[in-house]
Amino acid sequence: MMKAHRLHPSKGSIGFMTFEESRRALYQAPLAEFVKERTRLADELRADGDKKAGAKLRQQPRPSVSAWATNAL
């Protein structure tokens, strides 16, 4: 069973996120904010009690510029 996690209120969202939703949101973030956003999302997963998902999200690699541009399409 996948755990759901709260979205960050300062981002204007209310609700819960799964690991996959967090990962998708991470790769849609501006490239310059990738590391900051990865840390924030991982911390939210951990704060909601899913330490494994938080650790897994922290291991997601920063995309190259070309990969980021492709993800942004």
PDB file of N, CA and C in Angstrom:
ATOM      1  N   MET A   1       0.838  -1.161   0.000  1.00  0.00           N
ATOM      2  CA  MET A   1       0.000   0.000   0.000  1.00  0.00           C
ATOM      3  C   MET A   1       0.895   1.239   0.000  1.00  0.00           C
ATOM      4  N   MET A   2       0.576   2.206  -0.875  1.00  0.00           N
ATOM      5  CA  MET A   2       1.358   3.439  -0.946  1.00  0.00           C
ATOM      6  C   MET A   2       0.809   4.445   0.053  1.00  0.00           C
ATOM      7  N   LYS A   3       1.702   5.106   0.757  1.00  0.00           N
ATOM      8  CA  LYS A   3       1.280   6.140   1.685  1.00  0.00           C
ATOM      9  C   LYS A   3       1.062   7.436   0.927  1.00  0.00           C
ATOM     10  N   ALA A   4       0.134   8.237   1.397  1.00  0.00           N
ATOM     11  CA  ALA A   4      -0.121   9.546   0.806  1.00  0.00           C
ATOM     12  C   ALA A   4       0.464  10.601   1.732  1.00  0.00           C
ATOM     13  N   HIS A   5       0.907  11.701   1.166  1.00  0.00           N
ATOM     14  CA  HIS A   5       1.581  12.732   1.941  1.00  0.00           C
ATOM     15  C   HIS A   5       1.010  14.100   1.605  1.00  0.00           C
ATOM     16  N   ARG A   6       1.050  14.974   2.606  1.00  0.00           N
ATOM     17  CA  ARG A   6       0.551  16.327   2.430  1.00  0.00           C
ATOM     18  C   ARG A   6       1.413  17.107   1.459  1.00  0.00           C
ATOM     19  N   LEU A   7       0.759  17.939   0.652  1.00  0.00           N
ATOM     20  CA  LEU A   7       1.493  18.882  -0.177  1.00  0.00           C
ATOM     21  C   LEU A   7       1.889  20.064   0.678  1.00  0.00           C
ATOM     22  N   HIS A   8       2.901  20.760   0.290  1.00  0.00           N
ATOM     23  CA  HIS A   8       3.385  21.904   1.065  1.00  0.00           C
ATOM     24  C   HIS A   8       2.409  23.070   0.924  1.00  0.00           C
ATOM     25  N   PRO A   9       1.829  23.568   2.030  1.00  0.00           N
ATOM     26  CA  PRO A   9       0.843  24.640   1.967  1.00  0.00           C
ATOM     27  C   PRO A   9       1.370  25.908   1.298  1.00  0.00           C
ATOM     28  N   SER A  10       2.653  26.206   1.441  1.00  0.00           N
ATOM     29  CA  SER A  10       3.175  27.431   0.846  1.00  0.00           C
ATOM     30  C   SER A  10       3.230  27.347  -0.672  1.00  0.00           C
ATOM     31  N   LYS A  11       3.106  26.152  -1.219  1.00  0.00           N
ATOM     32  CA  LYS A  11       3.089  25.986  -2.667  1.00  0.00           C
ATOM     33  C   LYS A  11       1.665  26.128  -3.213  1.00  0.00           C
ATOM     34  N   GLY A  12       0.703  26.393  -2.347  1.00  0.00           N
ATOM     35  CA  GLY A  12      -0.664  26.620  -2.791  1.00  0.00           C
ATOM     36  C   GLY A  12      -1.473  25.354  -2.998  1.00  0.00           C
ATOM     37  N   SER A  13      -1.017  24.238  -2.474  1.00  0.00           N
ATOM     38  CA  SER A  13      -1.720  22.976  -2.649  1.00  0.00           C
ATOM     39  C   SER A  13      -2.175  22.437  -1.307  1.00  0.00           C
ATOM     40  N   ILE A  14      -3.310  21.782  -1.333  1.00  0.00           N
ATOM     41  CA  ILE A  14      -3.825  21.140  -0.133  1.00  0.00           C
ATOM     42  C   ILE A  14      -4.146  19.704  -0.522  1.00  0.00           C
ATOM     43  N   GLY A  15      -3.771  18.759   0.306  1.00  0.00           N
ATOM     44  CA  GLY A  15      -4.050  17.370   0.001  1.00  0.00           C
ATOM     45  C   GLY A  15      -2.889  16.494   0.393  1.00  0.00           C
ATOM     46  N   PHE A  16      -2.739  15.353  -0.274  1.00  0.00           N
ATOM     47  CA  PHE A  16      -1.702  14.391   0.047  1.00  0.00           C
ATOM     48  C   PHE A  16      -0.971  13.972  -1.220  1.00  0.00           C
ATOM     49  N   MET A  17       0.300  13.584  -1.048  1.00  0.00           N
ATOM     50  CA  MET A  17       1.117  13.132  -2.174  1.00  0.00           C
ATOM     51  C   MET A  17       1.692  11.749  -1.873  1.00  0.00           C
ATOM     52  N   THR A  18       1.759  10.920  -2.890  1.00  0.00           N
ATOM     53  CA  THR A  18       2.461   9.648  -2.797  1.00  0.00           C
ATOM     54  C   THR A  18       3.914   9.881  -3.210  1.00  0.00           C
ATOM     55  N   PHE A  19       4.749   8.864  -3.060  1.00  0.00           N
ATOM     56  CA  PHE A  19       6.136   8.978  -3.496  1.00  0.00           C
ATOM     57  C   PHE A  19       6.198   9.328  -4.977  1.00  0.00           C
ATOM     58  N   GLU A  20       5.420   8.632  -5.795  1.00  0.00           N
ATOM     59  CA  GLU A  20       5.457   8.871  -7.246  1.00  0.00           C
ATOM     60  C   GLU A  20       5.019  10.289  -7.590  1.00  0.00           C
ATOM     61  N   GLU A  21       4.010  10.802  -6.907  1.00  0.00           N
ATOM     62  CA  GLU A  21       3.577  12.180  -7.151  1.00  0.00           C
ATOM     63  C   GLU A  21       4.676  13.158  -6.734  1.00  0.00           C
ATOM     64  N   SER A  22       5.341  12.861  -5.639  1.00  0.00           N
ATOM     65  CA  SER A  22       6.455  13.700  -5.192  1.00  0.00           C
ATOM     66  C   SER A  22       7.577  13.681  -6.213  1.00  0.00           C
ATOM     67  N   ARG A  23       7.874  12.507  -6.740  1.00  0.00           N
ATOM     68  CA  ARG A  23       8.936  12.376  -7.737  1.00  0.00           C
ATOM     69  C   ARG A  23       8.588  13.136  -9.008  1.00  0.00           C
ATOM     70  N   ARG A  24       7.341  13.023  -9.450  1.00  0.00           N
ATOM     71  CA  ARG A  24       6.910  13.765 -10.644  1.00  0.00           C
ATOM     72  C   ARG A  24       7.020  15.266 -10.421  1.00  0.00           C
ATOM     73  N   ALA A  25       6.562  15.727  -9.251  1.00  0.00           N
ATOM     74  CA  ALA A  25       6.641  17.152  -8.927  1.00  0.00           C
ATOM     75  C   ALA A  25       8.092  17.615  -8.905  1.00  0.00           C
ATOM     76  N   LEU A  26       8.977  16.788  -8.395  1.00  0.00           N
ATOM     77  CA  LEU A  26      10.391  17.125  -8.332  1.00  0.00           C
ATOM     78  C   LEU A  26      10.959  17.366  -9.724  1.00  0.00           C
ATOM     79  N   TYR A  27      10.675  16.478 -10.654  1.00  0.00           N
ATOM     80  CA  TYR A  27      11.238  16.603 -11.994  1.00  0.00           C
ATOM     81  C   TYR A  27      10.531  17.649 -12.848  1.00  0.00           C
ATOM     82  N   GLN A  28       9.456  18.228 -12.354  1.00  0.00           N
ATOM     83  CA  GLN A  28       8.798  19.327 -13.047  1.00  0.00           C
ATOM     84  C   GLN A  28       9.210  20.681 -12.478  1.00  0.00           C
ATOM     85  N   ALA A  29       9.941  20.667 -11.386  1.00  0.00           N
ATOM     86  CA  ALA A  29      10.407  21.913 -10.760  1.00  0.00           C
ATOM     87  C   ALA A  29      11.490  22.545 -11.634  1.00  0.00           C
ATOM     88  N   PRO A  30      11.662  23.865 -11.519  1.00  0.00           N
ATOM     89  CA  PRO A  30      12.745  24.525 -12.256  1.00  0.00           C
ATOM     90  C   PRO A  30      14.094  23.896 -11.889  1.00  0.00           C
ATOM     91  N   LEU A  31      14.956  23.732 -12.881  1.00  0.00           N
ATOM     92  CA  LEU A  31      16.231  23.060 -12.677  1.00  0.00           C
ATOM     93  C   LEU A  31      17.069  23.739 -11.599  1.00  0.00           C
ATOM     94  N   ALA A  32      17.035  25.053 -11.540  1.00  0.00           N
ATOM     95  CA  ALA A  32      17.825  25.788 -10.549  1.00  0.00           C
ATOM     96  C   ALA A  32      17.355  25.513  -9.123  1.00  0.00           C
ATOM     97  N   GLU A  33      16.121  25.051  -8.962  1.00  0.00           N
ATOM     98  CA  GLU A  33      15.559  24.777  -7.635  1.00  0.00           C
ATOM     99  C   GLU A  33      15.487  23.282  -7.321  1.00  0.00           C
ATOM    100  N   PHE A  34      16.091  22.450  -8.168  1.00  0.00           N
ATOM    101  CA  PHE A  34      15.947  21.006  -8.031  1.00  0.00           C
ATOM    102  C   PHE A  34      16.389  20.494  -6.663  1.00  0.00           C
ATOM    103  N   VAL A  35      17.592  20.866  -6.238  1.00  0.00           N
ATOM    104  CA  VAL A  35      18.121  20.339  -4.975  1.00  0.00           C
ATOM    105  C   VAL A  35      17.271  20.807  -3.796  1.00  0.00           C
ATOM    106  N   LYS A  36      16.900  22.072  -3.791  1.00  0.00           N
ATOM    107  CA  LYS A  36      16.057  22.626  -2.720  1.00  0.00           C
ATOM    108  C   LYS A  36      14.694  21.924  -2.680  1.00  0.00           C
ATOM    109  N   GLU A  37      14.104  21.721  -3.850  1.00  0.00           N
ATOM    110  CA  GLU A  37      12.791  21.062  -3.934  1.00  0.00           C
ATOM    111  C   GLU A  37      12.894  19.592  -3.543  1.00  0.00           C
ATOM    112  N   ARG A  38      13.965  18.923  -3.939  1.00  0.00           N
ATOM    113  CA  ARG A  38      14.167  17.512  -3.568  1.00  0.00           C
ATOM    114  C   ARG A  38      14.248  17.373  -2.049  1.00  0.00           C
ATOM    115  N   THR A  39      14.982  18.261  -1.429  1.00  0.00           N
ATOM    116  CA  THR A  39      15.115  18.240   0.029  1.00  0.00           C
ATOM    117  C   THR A  39      13.773  18.503   0.700  1.00  0.00           C
ATOM    118  N   ARG A  40      13.040  19.490   0.208  1.00  0.00           N
ATOM    119  CA  ARG A  40      11.740  19.839   0.793  1.00  0.00           C
ATOM    120  C   ARG A  40      10.757  18.680   0.683  1.00  0.00           C
ATOM    121  N   LEU A  41      10.655  18.093  -0.499  1.00  0.00           N
ATOM    122  CA  LEU A  41       9.718  16.983  -0.701  1.00  0.00           C
ATOM    123  C   LEU A  41      10.119  15.756   0.115  1.00  0.00           C
ATOM    124  N   ALA A  42      11.408  15.469   0.172  1.00  0.00           N
ATOM    125  CA  ALA A  42      11.879  14.328   0.976  1.00  0.00           C
ATOM    126  C   ALA A  42      11.584  14.550   2.451  1.00  0.00           C
ATOM    127  N   ASP A  43      11.781  15.771   2.920  1.00  0.00           N
ATOM    128  CA  ASP A  43      11.485  16.092   4.322  1.00  0.00           C
ATOM    129  C   ASP A  43      10.001  15.929   4.623  1.00  0.00           C
ATOM    130  N   GLU A  44       9.149  16.293   3.670  1.00  0.00           N
ATOM    131  CA  GLU A  44       7.698  16.114   3.865  1.00  0.00           C
ATOM    132  C   GLU A  44       7.339  14.639   3.964  1.00  0.00           C
ATOM    133  N   LEU A  45       7.918  13.831   3.095  1.00  0.00           N
ATOM    134  CA  LEU A  45       7.646  12.391   3.153  1.00  0.00           C
ATOM    135  C   LEU A  45       8.065  11.832   4.510  1.00  0.00           C
ATOM    136  N   ARG A  46       9.250  12.221   4.966  1.00  0.00           N
ATOM    137  CA  ARG A  46       9.749  11.755   6.269  1.00  0.00           C
ATOM    138  C   ARG A  46       8.859  12.257   7.406  1.00  0.00           C
ATOM    139  N   ALA A  47       8.444  13.515   7.342  1.00  0.00           N
ATOM    140  CA  ALA A  47       7.603  14.090   8.400  1.00  0.00           C
ATOM    141  C   ALA A  47       6.251  13.384   8.484  1.00  0.00           C
ATOM    142  N   ASP A  48       5.803  12.862   7.354  1.00  0.00           N
ATOM    143  CA  ASP A  48       4.535  12.132   7.341  1.00  0.00           C
ATOM    144  C   ASP A  48       4.709  10.669   7.701  1.00  0.00           C
ATOM    145  N   GLY A  49       5.928  10.296   8.123  1.00  0.00           N
ATOM    146  CA  GLY A  49       6.149   8.950   8.630  1.00  0.00           C
ATOM    147  C   GLY A  49       6.697   7.947   7.636  1.00  0.00           C
ATOM    148  N   ASP A  50       6.988   8.357   6.423  1.00  0.00           N
ATOM    149  CA  ASP A  50       7.511   7.422   5.433  1.00  0.00           C
ATOM    150  C   ASP A  50       8.993   7.715   5.201  1.00  0.00           C
ATOM    151  N   LYS A  51       9.821   7.260   6.136  1.00  0.00           N
ATOM    152  CA  LYS A  51      11.260   7.535   6.072  1.00  0.00           C
ATOM    153  C   LYS A  51      11.915   6.889   4.859  1.00  0.00           C
ATOM    154  N   LYS A  52      11.443   5.711   4.473  1.00  0.00           N
ATOM    155  CA  LYS A  52      12.017   5.026   3.312  1.00  0.00           C
ATOM    156  C   LYS A  52      11.781   5.830   2.035  1.00  0.00           C
ATOM    157  N   ALA A  53      10.565   6.336   1.866  1.00  0.00           N
ATOM    158  CA  ALA A  53      10.256   7.120   0.667  1.00  0.00           C
ATOM    159  C   ALA A  53      11.055   8.422   0.667  1.00  0.00           C
ATOM    160  N   GLY A  54      11.214   9.044   1.830  1.00  0.00           N
ATOM    161  CA  GLY A  54      12.010  10.264   1.926  1.00  0.00           C
ATOM    162  C   GLY A  54      13.454  10.014   1.540  1.00  0.00           C
ATOM    163  N   ALA A  55      14.016   8.914   2.021  1.00  0.00           N
ATOM    164  CA  ALA A  55      15.394   8.562   1.680  1.00  0.00           C
ATOM    165  C   ALA A  55      15.521   8.241   0.192  1.00  0.00           C
ATOM    166  N   LYS A  56      14.537   7.553  -0.339  1.00  0.00           N
ATOM    167  CA  LYS A  56      14.560   7.198  -1.765  1.00  0.00           C
ATOM    168  C   LYS A  56      14.480   8.457  -2.633  1.00  0.00           C
ATOM    169  N   LEU A  57      13.648   9.410  -2.232  1.00  0.00           N
ATOM    170  CA  LEU A  57      13.516  10.647  -3.003  1.00  0.00           C
ATOM    171  C   LEU A  57      14.815  11.447  -2.952  1.00  0.00           C
ATOM    172  N   ARG A  58      15.479  11.467  -1.809  1.00  0.00           N
ATOM    173  CA  ARG A  58      16.764  12.186  -1.685  1.00  0.00           C
ATOM    174  C   ARG A  58      17.831  11.608  -2.601  1.00  0.00           C
ATOM    175  N   GLN A  59      17.692  10.364  -3.018  1.00  0.00           N
ATOM    176  CA  GLN A  59      18.671   9.726  -3.890  1.00  0.00           C
ATOM    177  C   GLN A  59      18.406   9.982  -5.368  1.00  0.00           C
ATOM    178  N   GLN A  60      17.286  10.622  -5.687  1.00  0.00           N
ATOM    179  CA  GLN A  60      16.980  10.889  -7.084  1.00  0.00           C
ATOM    180  C   GLN A  60      18.026  11.843  -7.657  1.00  0.00           C
ATOM    181  N   PRO A  61      18.619  11.496  -8.804  1.00  0.00           N
ATOM    182  CA  PRO A  61      19.675  12.329  -9.363  1.00  0.00           C
ATOM    183  C   PRO A  61      19.143  13.607 -10.007  1.00  0.00           C
ATOM    184  N   ARG A  62      19.960  14.635  -9.943  1.00  0.00           N
ATOM    185  CA  ARG A  62      19.629  15.888 -10.617  1.00  0.00           C
ATOM    186  C   ARG A  62      19.740  15.626 -12.121  1.00  0.00           C
ATOM    187  N   PRO A  63      18.718  16.010 -12.900  1.00  0.00           N
ATOM    188  CA  PRO A  63      18.770  15.728 -14.335  1.00  0.00           C
ATOM    189  C   PRO A  63      19.735  16.665 -15.062  1.00  0.00           C
ATOM    190  N   SER A  64      20.219  16.197 -16.200  1.00  0.00           N
ATOM    191  CA  SER A  64      21.019  17.067 -17.056  1.00  0.00           C
ATOM    192  C   SER A  64      20.075  18.133 -17.627  1.00  0.00           C
ATOM    193  N   VAL A  65      20.637  19.164 -18.208  1.00  0.00           N
ATOM    194  CA  VAL A  65      19.811  20.227 -18.784  1.00  0.00           C
ATOM    195  C   VAL A  65      18.904  19.661 -19.867  1.00  0.00           C
ATOM    196  N   SER A  66      19.430  18.795 -20.726  1.00  0.00           N
ATOM    197  CA  SER A  66      18.605  18.236 -21.822  1.00  0.00           C
ATOM    198  C   SER A  66      17.499  17.329 -21.269  1.00  0.00           C
ATOM    199  N   ALA A  67      17.803  16.539 -20.244  1.00  0.00           N
ATOM    200  CA  ALA A  67      16.769  15.689 -19.630  1.00  0.00           C
ATOM    201  C   ALA A  67      15.712  16.532 -18.948  1.00  0.00           C
ATOM    202  N   TRP A  68      16.134  17.601 -18.270  1.00  0.00           N
ATOM    203  CA  TRP A  68      15.178  18.491 -17.618  1.00  0.00           C
ATOM    204  C   TRP A  68      14.259  19.141 -18.646  1.00  0.00           C
ATOM    205  N   ALA A  69      14.833  19.595 -19.767  1.00  0.00           N
ATOM    206  CA  ALA A  69      14.027  20.235 -20.815  1.00  0.00           C
ATOM    207  C   ALA A  69      13.003  19.252 -21.369  1.00  0.00           C
ATOM    208  N   THR A  70      13.408  18.000 -21.542  1.00  0.00           N
ATOM    209  CA  THR A  70      12.475  16.972 -22.037  1.00  0.00           C
ATOM    210  C   THR A  70      11.358  16.737 -21.015  1.00  0.00           C
ATOM    211  N   ASN A  71      11.692  16.670 -19.747  1.00  0.00           N
ATOM    212  CA  ASN A  71      10.669  16.488 -18.700  1.00  0.00           C
ATOM    213  C   ASN A  71       9.703  17.652 -18.642  1.00  0.00           C
ATOM    214  N   ALA A  72      10.175  18.844 -18.998  1.00  0.00           N
ATOM    215  CA  ALA A  72       9.335  20.041 -18.929  1.00  0.00           C
ATOM    216  C   ALA A  72       8.298  20.094 -20.037  1.00  0.00           C
ATOM    217  N   LEU A  73       8.471  19.285 -21.078  1.00  0.00           N
ATOM    218  CA  LEU A  73       7.525  19.311 -22.211  1.00  0.00           C
ATOM    219  C   LEU A  73       6.216  18.688 -21.888  1.00  0.00           C
TER     220      LEU A  73
END
